[in-house]
Amino acid sequence: MTVVVPLRAALGFALTALASSLAIEARAEDASLWQVGAHSAVRLLAGSRSGSVLLGGIAVQLDPGWKTYWRTSGDSGVPPRFDFSKSDNIEAVTVLWPAPLKFDDGAGGTSLGYHHQVVLPLRIVPKNTDKPVTLRADISYAVCEKICIPVEASTELAFASVASTEDSVLFAALDTVPKPASVGDPNPLTIRDVKREGKSTVLVDVVAPDARTVNLFVEGPTPDWGLPVPKLLEHSPPGVKRFAFELDGVPPGTNPEGAALKLTLVGGERAYEFNINLE
């Protein structure tokens, strides 16, 4: 049986198919193919090509029940590592980190990271803004359920689009990155005070009137510092949530006095990052 399609309908179908194929092609140009690994997959995203700094991203997809790690993994785990040295016309790449979640690490401790999916925004500085840019990334990360599995991936992506289809995804990811703040700032979520108790304990007083759940994370000045995850004390002064952590995991022979610490405060939809010097 022969089916006769009216010319207008045929043209409409053809134009719809063409628009769809162009949209798919545009998406393909703005994102690399998924690199599938153990219980996960990663790919690169490219934002719109404009200005002297480019916005990109690393998208990570995880199987249900599996997680991967933040830049500091907590009491256990392996932080991701990225190598962009094989890229073309790129001077520097800065990885930005969305606020992490806390997980029970199965050994009585706490690990920090992400589940389901996450996009790590990238700030990319080209060597020459007038020339093509190709980002190449060798990515090492771990995925964990009851056991941890190392994963390696290599991927690349050219930044070609004037208007990227991934811009909304990248800007949404940027919104989840903790904002810079200073102790005492009048934000709805803030650190009021940081002080020492004795030689080995640090107390952090947090103001969070609207947040039911508040988490605090601490990092040392270099990756060889292994400070523990701060714990919320049961009894805090009126009007504050008091966290405490011990100066454990300080590199041998290092004097912690004056050390530059990074505190990340997360409560509800808000997250802030504080750089302090330990008194």
C-alpha atoms as a PDB file:
ATOM      1  CA  MET A   1       0.000   0.000   0.000  1.00  0.00           C
ATOM      2  CA  THR A   2       1.259   3.441  -0.935  1.00  0.00           C
ATOM      3  CA  VAL A   3       0.774   6.259   1.580  1.00  0.00           C
ATOM      4  CA  VAL A   4       0.597   9.755   0.116  1.00  0.00           C
ATOM      5  CA  VAL A   5       1.885  12.478   2.425  1.00  0.00           C
ATOM      6  CA  PRO A   6       0.793  16.055   1.676  1.00  0.00           C
ATOM      7  CA  LEU A   7       3.665  18.275   0.557  1.00  0.00           C
ATOM      8  CA  ARG A   8       3.228  20.722   3.469  1.00  0.00           C
ATOM      9  CA  ALA A   9       3.325  17.846   5.982  1.00  0.00           C
ATOM     10  CA  ALA A  10       6.371  16.349   4.281  1.00  0.00           C
ATOM     11  CA  LEU A  11       8.184  19.684   4.363  1.00  0.00           C
ATOM     12  CA  GLY A  12       7.217  20.150   8.016  1.00  0.00           C
ATOM     13  CA  PHE A  13       8.553  16.702   8.896  1.00  0.00           C
ATOM     14  CA  ALA A  14      11.780  17.361   6.989  1.00  0.00           C
ATOM     15  CA  LEU A  15      12.334  20.709   8.698  1.00  0.00           C
ATOM     16  CA  THR A  16      11.609  19.178  12.117  1.00  0.00           C
ATOM     17  CA  ALA A  17      14.048  16.351  11.419  1.00  0.00           C
ATOM     18  CA  LEU A  18      16.679  18.823  10.211  1.00  0.00           C
ATOM     19  CA  ALA A  19      16.237  21.027  13.303  1.00  0.00           C
ATOM     20  CA  SER A  20      16.460  17.967  15.523  1.00  0.00           C
ATOM     21  CA  SER A  21      19.619  16.745  13.819  1.00  0.00           C
ATOM     22  CA  LEU A  22      21.198  20.199  14.093  1.00  0.00           C
ATOM     23  CA  ALA A  23      20.339  20.350  17.792  1.00  0.00           C
ATOM     24  CA  ILE A  24      21.871  16.917  18.334  1.00  0.00           C
ATOM     25  CA  GLU A  25      24.975  17.986  16.391  1.00  0.00           C
ATOM     26  CA  ALA A  26      25.247  21.179  18.458  1.00  0.00           C
ATOM     27  CA  ARG A  27      24.986  19.184  21.676  1.00  0.00           C
ATOM     28  CA  ALA A  28      27.658  16.805  20.431  1.00  0.00           C
ATOM     29  CA  GLU A  29      29.976  19.743  19.730  1.00  0.00           C
ATOM     30  CA  ASP A  30      29.448  21.156  23.233  1.00  0.00           C
ATOM     31  CA  ALA A  31      30.054  17.868  25.075  1.00  0.00           C
ATOM     32  CA  SER A  32      32.471  15.024  24.530  1.00  0.00           C
ATOM     33  CA  LEU A  33      31.316  11.427  24.344  1.00  0.00           C
ATOM     34  CA  TRP A  34      30.747   9.689  27.665  1.00  0.00           C
ATOM     35  CA  GLN A  35      33.782   7.699  28.784  1.00  0.00           C
ATOM     36  CA  VAL A  36      32.274   4.726  30.588  1.00  0.00           C
ATOM     37  CA  GLY A  37      34.170   3.206  33.522  1.00  0.00           C
ATOM     38  CA  ALA A  38      33.324   1.042  36.507  1.00  0.00           C
ATOM     39  CA  HIS A  39      29.837   2.051  37.727  1.00  0.00           C
ATOM     40  CA  SER A  40      30.362   5.553  36.305  1.00  0.00           C
ATOM     41  CA  ALA A  41      30.925   7.705  33.239  1.00  0.00           C
ATOM     42  CA  VAL A  42      32.615  11.063  32.640  1.00  0.00           C
ATOM     43  CA  ARG A  43      32.626  13.637  29.858  1.00  0.00           C
ATOM     44  CA  LEU A  44      33.753  17.219  29.201  1.00  0.00           C
ATOM     45  CA  LEU A  45      31.411  20.162  28.666  1.00  0.00           C
ATOM     46  CA  ALA A  46      32.187  23.390  26.816  1.00  0.00           C
ATOM     47  CA  GLY A  47      30.536  26.703  27.551  1.00  0.00           C
ATOM     48  CA  SER A  48      30.061  29.574  25.123  1.00  0.00           C
ATOM     49  CA  ARG A  49      33.263  30.847  23.520  1.00  0.00           C
ATOM     50  CA  SER A  50      33.583  34.476  24.640  1.00  0.00           C
ATOM     51  CA  GLY A  51      36.011  36.617  26.606  1.00  0.00           C
ATOM     52  CA  SER A  52      39.458  35.825  27.912  1.00  0.00           C
ATOM     53  CA  VAL A  53      38.312  33.085  30.344  1.00  0.00           C
ATOM     54  CA  LEU A  54      36.327  30.084  29.135  1.00  0.00           C
ATOM     55  CA  LEU A  55      33.833  28.110  31.218  1.00  0.00           C
ATOM     56  CA  GLY A  56      33.910  24.341  30.914  1.00  0.00           C
ATOM     57  CA  GLY A  57      33.034  21.368  33.049  1.00  0.00           C
ATOM     58  CA  ILE A  58      33.639  17.745  33.939  1.00  0.00           C
ATOM     59  CA  ALA A  59      30.361  15.828  34.211  1.00  0.00           C
ATOM     60  CA  VAL A  60      30.356  12.650  36.296  1.00  0.00           C
ATOM     61  CA  GLN A  61      27.498  10.144  36.235  1.00  0.00           C
ATOM     62  CA  LEU A  62      27.336   7.425  38.922  1.00  0.00           C
ATOM     63  CA  ASP A  63      25.358   4.212  39.226  1.00  0.00           C
ATOM     64  CA  PRO A  64      22.741   4.127  42.030  1.00  0.00           C
ATOM     65  CA  GLY A  65      24.377   3.474  45.412  1.00  0.00           C
ATOM     66  CA  TRP A  66      27.858   4.506  44.239  1.00  0.00           C
ATOM     67  CA  LYS A  67      29.751   7.667  45.137  1.00  0.00           C
ATOM     68  CA  THR A  68      32.919   9.499  44.219  1.00  0.00           C
ATOM     69  CA  TYR A  69      35.041  11.960  46.194  1.00  0.00           C
ATOM     70  CA  TRP A  70      35.504  15.680  46.778  1.00  0.00           C
ATOM     71  CA  ARG A  71      38.940  17.375  46.563  1.00  0.00           C
ATOM     72  CA  THR A  72      39.409  16.221  50.197  1.00  0.00           C
ATOM     73  CA  SER A  73      37.953  12.779  50.781  1.00  0.00           C
ATOM     74  CA  GLY A  74      37.501  12.927  54.564  1.00  0.00           C
ATOM     75  CA  ASP A  75      38.506  10.056  56.819  1.00  0.00           C
ATOM     76  CA  SER A  76      38.939   7.696  53.865  1.00  0.00           C
ATOM     77  CA  GLY A  77      38.787   7.671  50.091  1.00  0.00           C
ATOM     78  CA  VAL A  78      40.737   8.936  47.086  1.00  0.00           C
ATOM     79  CA  PRO A  79      40.277  12.483  45.731  1.00  0.00           C
ATOM     80  CA  PRO A  80      40.090  12.828  41.926  1.00  0.00           C
ATOM     81  CA  ARG A  81      43.158  13.922  39.973  1.00  0.00           C
ATOM     82  CA  PHE A  82      43.177  15.765  36.644  1.00  0.00           C
ATOM     83  CA  ASP A  83      45.921  16.259  34.060  1.00  0.00           C
ATOM     84  CA  PHE A  84      45.252  18.890  31.376  1.00  0.00           C
ATOM     85  CA  SER A  85      48.835  19.140  30.127  1.00  0.00           C
ATOM     86  CA  LYS A  86      48.051  17.641  26.692  1.00  0.00           C
ATOM     87  CA  SER A  87      45.574  20.425  25.851  1.00  0.00           C
ATOM     88  CA  ASP A  88      46.063  22.823  22.920  1.00  0.00           C
ATOM     89  CA  ASN A  89      46.300  26.598  23.458  1.00  0.00           C
ATOM     90  CA  ILE A  90      45.517  26.446  27.189  1.00  0.00           C
ATOM     91  CA  GLU A  91      47.535  28.376  29.763  1.00  0.00           C
ATOM     92  CA  ALA A  92      45.736  27.230  32.928  1.00  0.00           C
ATOM     93  CA  VAL A  93      42.721  25.242  34.121  1.00  0.00           C
ATOM     94  CA  THR A  94      41.125  25.738  37.537  1.00  0.00           C
ATOM     95  CA  VAL A  95      38.761  23.062  38.852  1.00  0.00           C
ATOM     96  CA  LEU A  96      35.865  24.423  40.932  1.00  0.00           C
ATOM     97  CA  TRP A  97      34.224  22.108  43.452  1.00  0.00           C
ATOM     98  CA  PRO A  98      30.516  22.016  44.329  1.00  0.00           C
ATOM     99  CA  ALA A  99      29.792  21.621  48.040  1.00  0.00           C
ATOM    100  CA  PRO A 100      30.181  17.950  49.014  1.00  0.00           C
ATOM    101  CA  LEU A 101      27.934  15.560  50.924  1.00  0.00           C
ATOM    102  CA  LYS A 102      28.884  13.467  53.954  1.00  0.00           C
ATOM    103  CA  PHE A 103      28.892   9.650  53.793  1.00  0.00           C
ATOM    104  CA  ASP A 104      29.498   6.911  56.323  1.00  0.00           C
ATOM    105  CA  ASP A 105      32.721   5.303  55.086  1.00  0.00           C
ATOM    106  CA  GLY A 106      31.830   1.900  56.536  1.00  0.00           C
ATOM    107  CA  ALA A 107      34.748   1.950  58.997  1.00  0.00           C
ATOM    108  CA  GLY A 108      33.359   4.321  61.602  1.00  0.00           C
ATOM    109  CA  GLY A 109      34.510   7.457  59.806  1.00  0.00           C
ATOM    110  CA  THR A 110      33.122  10.010  57.373  1.00  0.00           C
ATOM    111  CA  SER A 111      33.939  10.463  53.700  1.00  0.00           C
ATOM    112  CA  LEU A 112      33.107  13.488  51.550  1.00  0.00           C
ATOM    113  CA  GLY A 113      31.913  13.481  47.987  1.00  0.00           C
ATOM    114  CA  TYR A 114      29.013  13.115  45.563  1.00  0.00           C
ATOM    115  CA  HIS A 115      26.423  10.584  44.470  1.00  0.00           C
ATOM    116  CA  HIS A 116      24.133  10.258  41.412  1.00  0.00           C
ATOM    117  CA  GLN A 117      25.789  12.985  39.300  1.00  0.00           C
ATOM    118  CA  VAL A 118      27.909  16.096  39.597  1.00  0.00           C
ATOM    119  CA  VAL A 119      29.395  18.722  37.290  1.00  0.00           C
ATOM    120  CA  LEU A 120      32.749  20.215  38.290  1.00  0.00           C
ATOM    121  CA  PRO A 121      33.014  23.643  36.630  1.00  0.00           C
ATOM    122  CA  LEU A 122      36.307  24.579  34.971  1.00  0.00           C
ATOM    123  CA  ARG A 123      37.776  28.054  34.484  1.00  0.00           C
ATOM    124  CA  ILE A 124      40.034  27.873  31.432  1.00  0.00           C
ATOM    125  CA  VAL A 125      42.554  30.521  30.419  1.00  0.00           C
ATOM    126  CA  PRO A 126      43.696  30.241  26.768  1.00  0.00           C
ATOM    127  CA  LYS A 127      47.225  31.183  25.756  1.00  0.00           C
ATOM    128  CA  ASN A 128      45.838  33.050  22.752  1.00  0.00           C
ATOM    129  CA  THR A 129      42.163  34.025  22.692  1.00  0.00           C
ATOM    130  CA  ASP A 130      42.184  34.312  18.891  1.00  0.00           C
ATOM    131  CA  LYS A 131      43.192  30.688  18.297  1.00  0.00           C
ATOM    132  CA  PRO A 132      41.248  27.413  18.679  1.00  0.00           C
ATOM    133  CA  VAL A 133      41.155  25.769  22.106  1.00  0.00           C
ATOM    134  CA  THR A 134      41.061  22.024  22.689  1.00  0.00           C
ATOM    135  CA  LEU A 135      40.810  20.680  26.220  1.00  0.00           C
ATOM    136  CA  ARG A 136      42.302  17.246  26.848  1.00  0.00           C
ATOM    137  CA  ALA A 137      41.904  15.635  30.252  1.00  0.00           C
ATOM    138  CA  ASP A 138      43.378  12.524  31.822  1.00  0.00           C
ATOM    139  CA  ILE A 139      41.129  11.838  34.808  1.00  0.00           C
ATOM    140  CA  SER A 140      41.837   9.517  37.746  1.00  0.00           C
ATOM    141  CA  TYR A 141      39.067   8.985  40.263  1.00  0.00           C
ATOM    142  CA  ALA A 142      37.543   6.333  42.502  1.00  0.00           C
ATOM    143  CA  VAL A 143      33.984   5.075  42.829  1.00  0.00           C
ATOM    144  CA  CYS A 144      32.829   3.384  46.008  1.00  0.00           C
ATOM    145  CA  GLU A 145      29.895   1.406  47.296  1.00  0.00           C
ATOM    146  CA  LYS A 146      31.050  -1.167  49.851  1.00  0.00           C
ATOM    147  CA  ILE A 147      34.394  -1.354  48.078  1.00  0.00           C
ATOM    148  CA  CYS A 148      36.335   1.283  46.142  1.00  0.00           C
ATOM    149  CA  ILE A 149      37.346   0.864  42.498  1.00  0.00           C
ATOM    150  CA  PRO A 150      39.923   3.127  40.760  1.00  0.00           C
ATOM    151  CA  VAL A 151      38.888   4.484  37.363  1.00  0.00           C
ATOM    152  CA  GLU A 152      40.968   6.096  34.599  1.00  0.00           C
ATOM    153  CA  ALA A 153      39.525   8.102  31.718  1.00  0.00           C
ATOM    154  CA  SER A 154      40.917  10.222  28.897  1.00  0.00           C
ATOM    155  CA  THR A 155      38.780  12.593  26.865  1.00  0.00           C
ATOM    156  CA  GLU A 156      39.007  15.760  24.782  1.00  0.00           C
ATOM    157  CA  LEU A 157      36.755  18.548  23.550  1.00  0.00           C
ATOM    158  CA  ALA A 158      37.190  21.568  21.268  1.00  0.00           C
ATOM    159  CA  PHE A 159      35.668  24.880  22.357  1.00  0.00           C
ATOM    160  CA  ALA A 160      33.937  25.991  19.176  1.00  0.00           C
ATOM    161  CA  SER A 161      30.440  27.279  19.957  1.00  0.00           C
ATOM    162  CA  VAL A 162      29.624  30.953  20.204  1.00  0.00           C
ATOM    163  CA  ALA A 163      26.453  29.977  22.113  1.00  0.00           C
ATOM    164  CA  SER A 164      26.750  26.623  23.880  1.00  0.00           C
ATOM    165  CA  THR A 165      23.815  24.345  24.661  1.00  0.00           C
ATOM    166  CA  GLU A 166      25.585  23.447  27.918  1.00  0.00           C
ATOM    167  CA  ASP A 167      25.630  26.979  29.382  1.00  0.00           C
ATOM    168  CA  SER A 168      22.597  26.421  31.625  1.00  0.00           C
ATOM    169  CA  VAL A 169      24.115  23.223  33.037  1.00  0.00           C
ATOM    170  CA  LEU A 170      27.436  24.935  33.703  1.00  0.00           C
ATOM    171  CA  PHE A 171      25.897  28.002  35.354  1.00  0.00           C
ATOM    172  CA  ALA A 172      23.744  25.746  37.557  1.00  0.00           C
ATOM    173  CA  ALA A 173      26.904  23.901  38.613  1.00  0.00           C
ATOM    174  CA  LEU A 174      28.614  27.220  39.409  1.00  0.00           C
ATOM    175  CA  ASP A 175      25.742  28.042  41.773  1.00  0.00           C
ATOM    176  CA  THR A 176      26.603  24.953  43.857  1.00  0.00           C
ATOM    177  CA  VAL A 177      30.233  26.039  44.385  1.00  0.00           C
ATOM    178  CA  PRO A 178      30.752  27.624  47.862  1.00  0.00           C
ATOM    179  CA  LYS A 179      31.027  31.413  47.754  1.00  0.00           C
ATOM    180  CA  PRO A 180      34.039  33.185  49.329  1.00  0.00           C
ATOM    181  CA  ALA A 181      33.331  34.712  52.744  1.00  0.00           C
ATOM    182  CA  SER A 182      35.081  36.078  55.832  1.00  0.00           C
ATOM    183  CA  VAL A 183      34.569  35.204  59.489  1.00  0.00           C
ATOM    184  CA  GLY A 184      31.868  37.462  60.925  1.00  0.00           C
ATOM    185  CA  ASP A 185      30.194  38.298  57.586  1.00  0.00           C
ATOM    186  CA  PRO A 186      26.462  39.081  58.043  1.00  0.00           C
ATOM    187  CA  ASN A 187      25.317  36.226  55.799  1.00  0.00           C
ATOM    188  CA  PRO A 188      22.335  34.028  56.750  1.00  0.00           C
ATOM    189  CA  LEU A 189      24.890  31.238  57.175  1.00  0.00           C
ATOM    190  CA  THR A 190      28.268  32.282  58.555  1.00  0.00           C
ATOM    191  CA  ILE A 191      31.163  31.549  60.891  1.00  0.00           C
ATOM    192  CA  ARG A 192      31.101  33.858  63.894  1.00  0.00           C
ATOM    193  CA  ASP A 193      34.368  32.821  65.532  1.00  0.00           C
ATOM    194  CA  VAL A 194      37.312  30.423  65.314  1.00  0.00           C
ATOM    195  CA  LYS A 195      39.457  29.812  68.395  1.00  0.00           C
ATOM    196  CA  ARG A 196      41.822  27.316  69.986  1.00  0.00           C
ATOM    197  CA  GLU A 197      41.041  25.279  73.081  1.00  0.00           C
ATOM    198  CA  GLY A 198      44.323  24.047  74.477  1.00  0.00           C
ATOM    199  CA  LYS A 199      47.038  23.051  72.037  1.00  0.00           C
ATOM    200  CA  SER A 200      45.215  20.528  69.893  1.00  0.00           C
ATOM    201  CA  THR A 201      41.525  21.485  69.643  1.00  0.00           C
ATOM    202  CA  VAL A 202      39.962  24.065  67.319  1.00  0.00           C
ATOM    203  CA  LEU A 203      36.440  25.373  67.984  1.00  0.00           C
ATOM    204  CA  VAL A 204      34.318  26.945  65.235  1.00  0.00           C
ATOM    205  CA  ASP A 205      31.099  28.798  66.093  1.00  0.00           C
ATOM    206  CA  VAL A 206      28.539  28.868  63.282  1.00  0.00           C
ATOM    207  CA  VAL A 207      25.388  30.969  62.938  1.00  0.00           C
ATOM    208  CA  ALA A 208      22.706  29.195  60.880  1.00  0.00           C
ATOM    209  CA  PRO A 209      19.197  30.257  61.943  1.00  0.00           C
ATOM    210  CA  ASP A 210      17.392  28.869  58.883  1.00  0.00           C
ATOM    211  CA  ALA A 211      19.346  25.656  58.227  1.00  0.00           C
ATOM    212  CA  ARG A 212      18.320  22.437  59.926  1.00  0.00           C
ATOM    213  CA  THR A 213      21.405  20.549  58.823  1.00  0.00           C
ATOM    214  CA  VAL A 214      24.803  22.250  58.816  1.00  0.00           C
ATOM    215  CA  ASN A 215      28.132  20.685  57.884  1.00  0.00           C
ATOM    216  CA  LEU A 216      31.641  22.032  58.273  1.00  0.00           C
ATOM    217  CA  PHE A 217      34.775  20.776  56.512  1.00  0.00           C
ATOM    218  CA  VAL A 218      38.393  21.795  57.048  1.00  0.00           C
ATOM    219  CA  GLU A 219      41.494  21.561  54.843  1.00  0.00           C
ATOM    220  CA  GLY A 220      45.131  22.282  55.561  1.00  0.00           C
ATOM    221  CA  PRO A 221      47.447  24.447  53.470  1.00  0.00           C
ATOM    222  CA  THR A 222      48.885  21.476  51.521  1.00  0.00           C
ATOM    223  CA  PRO A 223      47.487  18.062  50.483  1.00  0.00           C
ATOM    224  CA  ASP A 224      49.687  16.238  53.029  1.00  0.00           C
ATOM    225  CA  TRP A 225      47.608  17.673  55.852  1.00  0.00           C
ATOM    226  CA  GLY A 226      44.956  15.137  56.897  1.00  0.00           C
ATOM    227  CA  LEU A 227      42.729  17.054  59.306  1.00  0.00           C
ATOM    228  CA  PRO A 228      39.607  15.217  60.543  1.00  0.00           C
ATOM    229  CA  VAL A 229      36.032  16.180  59.672  1.00  0.00           C
ATOM    230  CA  PRO A 230      34.791  18.664  62.329  1.00  0.00           C
ATOM    231  CA  LYS A 231      32.043  17.354  64.622  1.00  0.00           C
ATOM    232  CA  LEU A 232      29.011  19.276  65.849  1.00  0.00           C
ATOM    233  CA  LEU A 233      29.062  19.393  69.637  1.00  0.00           C
ATOM    234  CA  GLU A 234      25.910  18.415  71.504  1.00  0.00           C
ATOM    235  CA  HIS A 235      26.132  21.409  73.831  1.00  0.00           C
ATOM    236  CA  SER A 236      26.811  24.731  72.084  1.00  0.00           C
ATOM    237  CA  PRO A 237      26.656  28.313  73.366  1.00  0.00           C
ATOM    238  CA  PRO A 238      23.286  30.074  72.852  1.00  0.00           C
ATOM    239  CA  GLY A 239      22.623  31.155  69.284  1.00  0.00           C
ATOM    240  CA  VAL A 240      25.412  29.157  67.627  1.00  0.00           C
ATOM    241  CA  LYS A 241      26.284  25.674  66.462  1.00  0.00           C
ATOM    242  CA  ARG A 242      29.754  24.815  67.745  1.00  0.00           C
ATOM    243  CA  PHE A 243      31.999  22.479  65.781  1.00  0.00           C
ATOM    244  CA  ALA A 244      35.281  21.041  67.001  1.00  0.00           C
ATOM    245  CA  PHE A 245      38.205  19.257  65.392  1.00  0.00           C
ATOM    246  CA  GLU A 246      41.579  18.085  66.600  1.00  0.00           C
ATOM    247  CA  LEU A 247      44.859  19.072  65.009  1.00  0.00           C
ATOM    248  CA  ASP A 248      45.461  15.471  63.984  1.00  0.00           C
ATOM    249  CA  GLY A 249      46.983  14.658  60.633  1.00  0.00           C
ATOM    250  CA  VAL A 250      49.411  17.585  60.693  1.00  0.00           C
ATOM    251  CA  PRO A 251      52.590  16.600  58.792  1.00  0.00           C
ATOM    252  CA  PRO A 252      55.403  15.493  61.139  1.00  0.00           C
ATOM    253  CA  GLY A 253      57.625  18.364  62.275  1.00  0.00           C
ATOM    254  CA  THR A 254      55.106  21.009  61.176  1.00  0.00           C
ATOM    255  CA  ASN A 255      54.141  23.798  63.559  1.00  0.00           C
ATOM    256  CA  PRO A 256      50.412  24.535  63.025  1.00  0.00           C
ATOM    257  CA  GLU A 257      50.682  28.065  64.438  1.00  0.00           C
ATOM    258  CA  GLY A 258      49.627  30.539  61.747  1.00  0.00           C
ATOM    259  CA  ALA A 259      48.768  27.790  59.245  1.00  0.00           C
ATOM    260  CA  ALA A 260      46.407  28.781  56.421  1.00  0.00           C
ATOM    261  CA  LEU A 261      43.252  26.676  56.758  1.00  0.00           C
ATOM    262  CA  LYS A 262      40.219  26.512  54.473  1.00  0.00           C
ATOM    263  CA  LEU A 263      36.819  26.049  56.126  1.00  0.00           C
ATOM    264  CA  THR A 264      33.821  25.085  53.980  1.00  0.00           C
ATOM    265  CA  LEU A 265      30.411  25.672  55.559  1.00  0.00           C
ATOM    266  CA  VAL A 266      27.319  24.042  54.041  1.00  0.00           C
ATOM    267  CA  GLY A 267      23.732  24.522  55.188  1.00  0.00           C
ATOM    268  CA  GLY A 268      20.601  23.982  53.122  1.00  0.00           C
ATOM    269  CA  GLU A 269      21.057  25.557  49.690  1.00  0.00           C
ATOM    270  CA  ARG A 270      23.888  27.823  50.859  1.00  0.00           C
ATOM    271  CA  ALA A 271      27.623  27.152  51.046  1.00  0.00           C
ATOM    272  CA  TYR A 272      30.558  29.436  51.883  1.00  0.00           C
ATOM    273  CA  GLU A 273      34.329  29.097  51.940  1.00  0.00           C
ATOM    274  CA  PHE A 274      36.489  30.811  54.566  1.00  0.00           C
ATOM    275  CA  ASN A 275      40.275  31.177  54.449  1.00  0.00           C
ATOM    276  CA  ILE A 276      41.741  31.713  57.915  1.00  0.00           C
ATOM    277  CA  ASN A 277      45.093  31.626  59.668  1.00  0.00           C
ATOM    278  CA  LEU A 278      45.205  29.410  62.729  1.00  0.00           C
ATOM    279  CA  GLU A 279      46.041  31.411  65.851  1.00  0.00           C
END
